N, C-alpha and C. Protein backbone atom coordinates (compact mmCIF):
# COMPACT_ATOMS: atom_id res chain seq x y z
N UNK A 1 86.01 86.84 113.78
CA UNK A 1 86.87 86.48 114.23
C UNK A 1 88.25 87.56 113.25
N UNK A 2 88.29 88.84 113.82
CA UNK A 2 89.71 89.97 113.28
C UNK A 2 90.81 89.06 112.73
N UNK A 3 91.20 89.12 111.33
CA UNK A 3 92.67 88.69 110.85
C UNK A 3 93.71 89.50 111.36
N UNK A 4 94.87 88.62 111.69
CA UNK A 4 95.86 89.39 112.35
C UNK A 4 96.57 89.28 111.20
N UNK A 5 96.99 90.63 110.60
CA UNK A 5 97.90 90.86 109.32
C UNK A 5 99.20 90.58 109.65
N UNK A 6 99.86 90.31 110.70
CA UNK A 6 101.46 89.78 110.90
C UNK A 6 100.93 88.38 111.25
N UNK A 7 99.90 87.22 111.52
CA UNK A 7 99.90 86.06 111.29
C UNK A 7 98.90 85.34 110.23
N UNK A 8 98.23 86.21 109.42
CA UNK A 8 97.56 85.75 108.60
C UNK A 8 98.37 85.37 107.29
N UNK A 9 97.50 84.13 106.77
CA UNK A 9 98.27 83.34 105.66
C UNK A 9 97.80 83.92 104.68
N UNK A 10 98.35 83.84 103.33
CA UNK A 10 97.97 84.83 102.31
C UNK A 10 97.84 83.47 101.08
N UNK A 11 96.65 83.26 100.58
CA UNK A 11 96.63 82.21 99.45
C UNK A 11 95.74 82.55 98.18
N UNK A 12 97.09 83.80 97.86
CA UNK A 12 96.84 84.04 96.19
C UNK A 12 97.84 83.21 95.48
N UNK A 13 96.96 82.63 94.05
CA UNK A 13 97.85 82.25 93.65
C UNK A 13 98.68 83.04 91.90
N UNK A 14 99.65 82.61 92.12
CA UNK A 14 100.39 83.14 90.62
C UNK A 14 99.19 83.62 89.16
N UNK A 15 99.37 84.63 88.67
CA UNK A 15 98.80 85.09 87.48
C UNK A 15 98.65 83.85 86.78
N UNK A 16 99.24 83.32 86.43
CA UNK A 16 98.92 82.00 85.78
C UNK A 16 97.59 81.01 86.35
N UNK A 17 97.67 81.03 87.49
CA UNK A 17 96.25 80.49 88.10
C UNK A 17 97.21 79.19 88.16
N UNK A 18 98.46 79.06 88.33
CA UNK A 18 98.76 77.21 88.39
C UNK A 18 99.59 76.93 90.38
N UNK A 19 98.94 78.01 90.99
CA UNK A 19 99.58 78.30 92.10
C UNK A 19 100.97 79.15 92.45
N UNK A 20 101.99 78.67 91.46
CA UNK A 20 103.23 79.68 91.67
C UNK A 20 104.06 79.70 93.03
N UNK A 21 104.04 81.31 93.48
CA UNK A 21 104.08 81.55 94.42
C UNK A 21 103.30 81.05 96.15
N UNK A 22 104.40 79.99 97.03
CA UNK A 22 103.81 79.98 98.01
C UNK A 22 102.79 80.51 98.96
N UNK A 23 102.18 80.12 99.93
CA UNK A 23 101.38 80.40 100.74
C UNK A 23 102.20 81.38 101.64
N UNK A 24 102.13 82.82 102.43
CA UNK A 24 102.96 83.47 103.04
C UNK A 24 102.75 83.76 103.96
N UNK A 25 103.34 85.15 104.84
CA UNK A 25 102.56 86.20 105.37
C UNK A 25 102.62 87.04 105.68
N UNK A 26 101.53 87.90 106.17
CA UNK A 26 101.49 89.83 105.92
C UNK A 26 102.10 90.40 107.03
N UNK A 27 103.38 91.15 106.71
CA UNK A 27 104.06 92.03 107.43
C UNK A 27 104.16 93.29 107.14
N UNK A 28 103.06 93.46 106.07
CA UNK A 28 103.05 95.17 106.00
C UNK A 28 102.53 95.92 107.43
N UNK A 29 101.97 95.57 108.45
CA UNK A 29 101.98 96.22 109.33
C UNK A 29 103.25 96.07 110.51
N UNK A 30 103.86 95.50 110.03
CA UNK A 30 105.53 95.56 110.78
C UNK A 30 106.61 96.32 110.26
N UNK A 31 107.20 97.76 110.31
CA UNK A 31 107.93 98.32 109.81
C UNK A 31 109.04 98.23 110.10
N UNK A 32 109.65 97.29 111.12
CA UNK A 32 111.25 96.58 111.53
C UNK A 32 111.04 95.52 111.04
N UNK A 33 110.45 94.57 110.13
CA UNK A 33 110.71 93.04 109.99
C UNK A 33 111.65 93.56 108.25
N UNK A 34 112.30 92.85 108.96
CA UNK A 34 113.85 92.59 107.43
C UNK A 34 113.43 91.40 106.31
N UNK A 35 113.30 92.10 105.34
CA UNK A 35 113.11 91.15 103.94
C UNK A 35 114.11 89.85 103.78
N UNK A 36 115.45 90.07 104.40
CA UNK A 36 115.81 89.23 104.35
C UNK A 36 115.95 88.56 105.61
N UNK A 37 114.76 88.42 106.69
CA UNK A 37 114.31 87.10 107.04
C UNK A 37 113.12 86.82 107.31
N UNK A 38 112.46 87.44 105.51
CA UNK A 38 111.27 86.84 105.54
C UNK A 38 111.37 85.75 104.80
N UNK A 39 110.38 84.84 104.08
CA UNK A 39 109.94 83.77 103.43
C UNK A 39 109.23 83.87 102.07
N UNK A 40 109.57 83.46 100.55
CA UNK A 40 109.25 83.56 99.46
C UNK A 40 107.64 82.99 99.78
N UNK A 41 106.96 84.14 99.37
CA UNK A 41 105.74 84.16 99.63
C UNK A 41 105.34 85.37 100.69
N UNK A 42 105.85 85.79 101.66
CA UNK A 42 104.87 86.81 102.29
C UNK A 42 105.54 88.11 101.76
N UNK A 43 104.60 88.94 102.31
CA UNK A 43 103.96 90.36 102.08
C UNK A 43 104.92 91.40 102.67
N UNK A 44 105.56 92.12 102.14
CA UNK A 44 106.27 92.60 103.27
C UNK A 44 106.49 94.54 102.47
N UNK A 45 106.55 95.61 103.30
CA UNK A 45 106.81 97.10 103.27
C UNK A 45 107.60 97.52 102.10
N UNK A 46 107.27 98.38 101.24
CA UNK A 46 108.55 98.32 99.85
C UNK A 46 108.05 100.27 100.05
N UNK A 47 109.18 100.78 99.33
CA UNK A 47 109.33 101.76 99.04
C UNK A 47 108.04 102.42 98.23
N UNK A 48 106.95 101.40 97.63
CA UNK A 48 105.48 101.62 96.62
C UNK A 48 104.46 101.81 97.22
N UNK A 49 104.74 100.84 98.64
CA UNK A 49 103.18 101.19 99.67
C UNK A 49 103.27 101.54 100.84
N UNK A 50 105.03 101.69 101.26
CA UNK A 50 105.30 102.37 102.57
C UNK A 50 106.29 103.80 102.42
N UNK A 51 106.01 104.88 101.81
CA UNK A 51 107.69 105.35 101.15
C UNK A 51 108.13 106.22 101.87
N UNK A 52 107.61 106.47 103.83
CA UNK A 52 108.25 107.37 104.49
C UNK A 52 108.87 106.06 105.08
N UNK A 53 108.89 104.81 105.38
CA UNK A 53 109.99 103.72 105.61
C UNK A 53 111.56 103.56 104.88
N UNK A 54 111.41 104.49 103.79
CA UNK A 54 113.12 104.80 103.17
C UNK A 54 113.69 106.33 102.69
N UNK A 55 114.41 105.85 102.74
CA UNK A 55 115.08 107.16 101.93
C UNK A 55 115.90 106.90 100.59
N UNK A 56 115.76 107.80 99.50
CA UNK A 56 116.19 107.94 98.64
C UNK A 56 118.11 108.16 98.70
N UNK A 57 118.82 107.05 98.31
CA UNK A 57 120.25 107.15 98.60
C UNK A 57 120.66 108.25 97.49
N UNK A 58 121.72 109.00 98.02
CA UNK A 58 122.69 110.38 97.62
C UNK A 58 123.26 109.81 95.92
N UNK A 59 122.97 110.39 94.77
CA UNK A 59 124.07 109.63 93.86
C UNK A 59 123.60 108.01 93.57
N UNK A 60 122.89 107.52 94.00
CA UNK A 60 122.23 106.26 93.34
C UNK A 60 120.78 106.34 92.94
N UNK A 61 120.30 104.40 92.53
CA UNK A 61 118.78 105.03 91.88
C UNK A 61 117.85 104.23 93.19
N UNK A 62 118.58 103.68 94.11
CA UNK A 62 118.35 102.86 95.50
C UNK A 62 117.46 103.44 96.59
N UNK A 63 117.30 102.64 96.86
CA UNK A 63 116.38 103.27 98.49
C UNK A 63 116.61 101.96 99.80
N UNK A 64 116.97 103.32 100.89
CA UNK A 64 117.22 102.40 101.78
C UNK A 64 116.46 102.50 103.40
N UNK A 65 116.22 101.50 103.94
CA UNK A 65 114.86 101.42 104.95
C UNK A 65 115.40 101.93 105.99
N UNK A 66 114.66 102.71 106.46
CA UNK A 66 115.23 103.70 107.74
C UNK A 66 115.30 102.76 109.20
N UNK A 67 114.69 101.58 109.10
CA UNK A 67 114.21 100.33 109.97
C UNK A 67 115.49 99.37 109.75
N UNK A 68 115.45 98.97 108.62
CA UNK A 68 116.45 97.67 108.68
C UNK A 68 117.66 97.76 108.38
N UNK A 69 117.90 99.03 107.33
CA UNK A 69 119.25 99.14 106.60
C UNK A 69 119.39 98.36 104.97
N UNK A 70 118.54 97.46 105.02
CA UNK A 70 118.53 97.11 103.60
C UNK A 70 118.16 98.03 102.36
N UNK A 71 119.31 97.71 101.05
CA UNK A 71 118.89 98.30 100.37
C UNK A 71 118.20 97.55 99.00
N UNK A 72 117.37 98.84 98.69
CA UNK A 72 116.19 98.35 97.79
C UNK A 72 116.36 99.05 96.28
N UNK A 73 116.30 98.31 95.28
CA UNK A 73 116.37 98.89 93.83
C UNK A 73 115.21 98.82 93.19
N UNK A 74 114.79 99.30 91.81
CA UNK A 74 113.67 99.43 91.30
C UNK A 74 114.30 98.19 90.15
N UNK A 75 113.98 97.40 89.33
CA UNK A 75 114.45 96.70 88.61
C UNK A 75 113.50 97.08 87.32
N UNK A 76 114.18 96.80 86.42
CA UNK A 76 113.34 97.82 84.66
C UNK A 76 112.57 95.97 84.22
N UNK A 77 113.18 95.14 85.00
CA UNK A 77 112.20 93.73 84.45
C UNK A 77 110.83 93.43 85.30
N UNK A 78 110.09 93.19 84.09
CA UNK A 78 108.43 92.89 84.68
C UNK A 78 108.48 90.91 84.85
N UNK A 79 109.20 90.38 84.76
CA UNK A 79 109.15 88.90 84.61
C UNK A 79 108.19 88.41 85.60
N UNK A 80 108.20 88.61 86.42
CA UNK A 80 107.03 87.88 87.40
C UNK A 80 106.28 89.40 87.98
N UNK A 81 106.31 90.03 87.46
CA UNK A 81 105.01 91.09 87.83
C UNK A 81 104.81 92.39 86.98
N UNK A 82 103.64 92.30 86.89
CA UNK A 82 103.09 93.31 85.66
C UNK A 82 103.70 94.49 85.78
N UNK A 83 103.81 95.58 87.12
CA UNK A 83 104.30 96.76 87.22
C UNK A 83 105.16 96.91 87.60
N UNK A 84 106.43 95.56 87.45
CA UNK A 84 107.78 95.47 87.90
C UNK A 84 108.18 94.66 88.90
N UNK A 85 109.44 95.14 89.39
CA UNK A 85 109.74 94.92 90.68
C UNK A 85 111.20 95.02 91.16
N UNK A 86 110.66 94.75 92.19
CA UNK A 86 112.12 95.67 93.45
C UNK A 86 113.42 94.36 93.87
N UNK A 87 114.46 95.02 93.70
CA UNK A 87 115.32 93.84 94.37
C UNK A 87 115.68 94.54 95.21
N UNK A 88 116.12 93.60 96.36
CA UNK A 88 116.61 93.94 97.50
C UNK A 88 117.79 93.26 97.58
N UNK A 89 119.10 94.00 98.45
CA UNK A 89 120.30 93.37 98.70
C UNK A 89 120.43 92.37 99.90
N UNK A 90 121.06 91.45 99.81
CA UNK A 90 121.48 90.26 101.34
C UNK A 90 122.07 91.14 102.32
N UNK A 91 122.20 90.75 103.16
CA UNK A 91 122.24 91.80 104.46
C UNK A 91 122.04 93.48 104.26
N UNK A 92 122.52 93.94 104.27
CA UNK A 92 122.88 95.47 103.95
C UNK A 92 123.30 95.61 102.86
N UNK A 93 124.06 95.04 102.04
CA UNK A 93 124.40 95.11 100.52
C UNK A 93 123.35 95.65 99.52
N UNK A 94 123.64 96.27 98.43
CA UNK A 94 123.31 96.52 97.40
C UNK A 94 122.87 95.20 96.65
N UNK A 95 121.06 94.82 95.65
CA UNK A 95 121.04 94.11 95.45
C UNK A 95 122.49 93.67 93.98
N UNK A 96 122.83 92.37 94.34
CA UNK A 96 123.61 91.95 92.96
C UNK A 96 123.27 90.46 92.34
N UNK A 97 123.34 90.82 90.90
CA UNK A 97 122.56 89.86 89.79
C UNK A 97 122.23 87.98 91.14
N UNK A 98 123.40 87.55 90.99
CA UNK A 98 122.57 86.42 91.86
C UNK A 98 122.87 86.30 93.49
N UNK A 99 122.83 87.33 94.17
CA UNK A 99 122.16 87.70 95.34
C UNK A 99 121.27 88.52 95.68
N UNK A 100 119.90 88.31 95.52
CA UNK A 100 119.66 89.82 96.00
C UNK A 100 118.39 88.41 96.85
N UNK A 101 116.67 89.10 96.62
CA UNK A 101 115.35 89.08 97.39
C UNK A 101 114.83 90.00 95.58
N UNK A 102 113.71 89.68 95.44
CA UNK A 102 113.50 89.71 94.00
C UNK A 102 111.78 89.69 95.09
N UNK A 103 110.76 91.32 94.50
CA UNK A 103 109.66 91.53 95.17
C UNK A 103 109.15 92.32 94.25
N UNK A 104 107.63 91.75 94.33
CA UNK A 104 106.37 92.28 93.32
C UNK A 104 106.46 93.61 93.88
N UNK A 105 105.74 94.81 92.89
CA UNK A 105 105.82 95.97 92.96
C UNK A 105 104.68 96.05 93.40
N UNK A 106 103.38 95.69 92.59
CA UNK A 106 101.84 95.71 92.85
C UNK A 106 101.60 95.20 94.39
N UNK A 107 102.09 94.00 94.85
CA UNK A 107 101.48 93.33 96.16
C UNK A 107 102.67 93.27 97.15
N UNK A 108 103.61 93.79 97.05
CA UNK A 108 104.92 93.46 97.75
C UNK A 108 105.72 92.04 98.34
N UNK A 109 104.97 91.46 97.83
CA UNK A 109 104.80 89.81 97.56
C UNK A 109 106.40 89.47 97.55
N UNK A 110 107.04 88.52 97.88
CA UNK A 110 108.55 88.13 97.87
C UNK A 110 108.37 86.81 97.00
N UNK A 111 109.02 86.91 95.73
CA UNK A 111 108.57 86.25 94.26
C UNK A 111 110.34 85.09 94.19
N UNK A 112 111.21 85.75 94.73
CA UNK A 112 112.03 84.95 94.69
C UNK A 112 113.36 85.53 95.00
N UNK A 113 114.27 84.46 95.98
CA UNK A 113 115.16 84.70 96.55
C UNK A 113 116.53 84.08 96.44
N UNK A 114 118.18 84.69 95.75
CA UNK A 114 118.92 84.40 94.95
C UNK A 114 120.03 84.60 96.11
N UNK A 115 120.79 83.21 96.46
CA UNK A 115 121.77 83.59 98.21
C UNK A 115 123.06 82.81 97.38
N UNK A 116 123.47 83.08 96.29
CA UNK A 116 124.62 82.34 95.23
C UNK A 116 125.88 82.75 95.61
């Protein structure tokens, strides 16, 4: 039976082997999937994995998703992912300190959602 990546469960463990990020769904084949409607542990399309989905924002360090309007910025921190992190703003806003979604650069997995 071939796996449908839209609904396939992802069972990867965190790098420490203790579970960490929960099982999620793989949305890499869905260009219109909003990160804001995904859950922690889901895998989404990023500017790294699907650069044609994004446009560089003029005068800024971020990218805008052509299909969802979401604003992405590369983070300098590497707390959760050895290759770095992407930060996505809530709704169509830029990411802010306590209002953002954090995504791993190397796998596109949603690591953390801050909605304060």
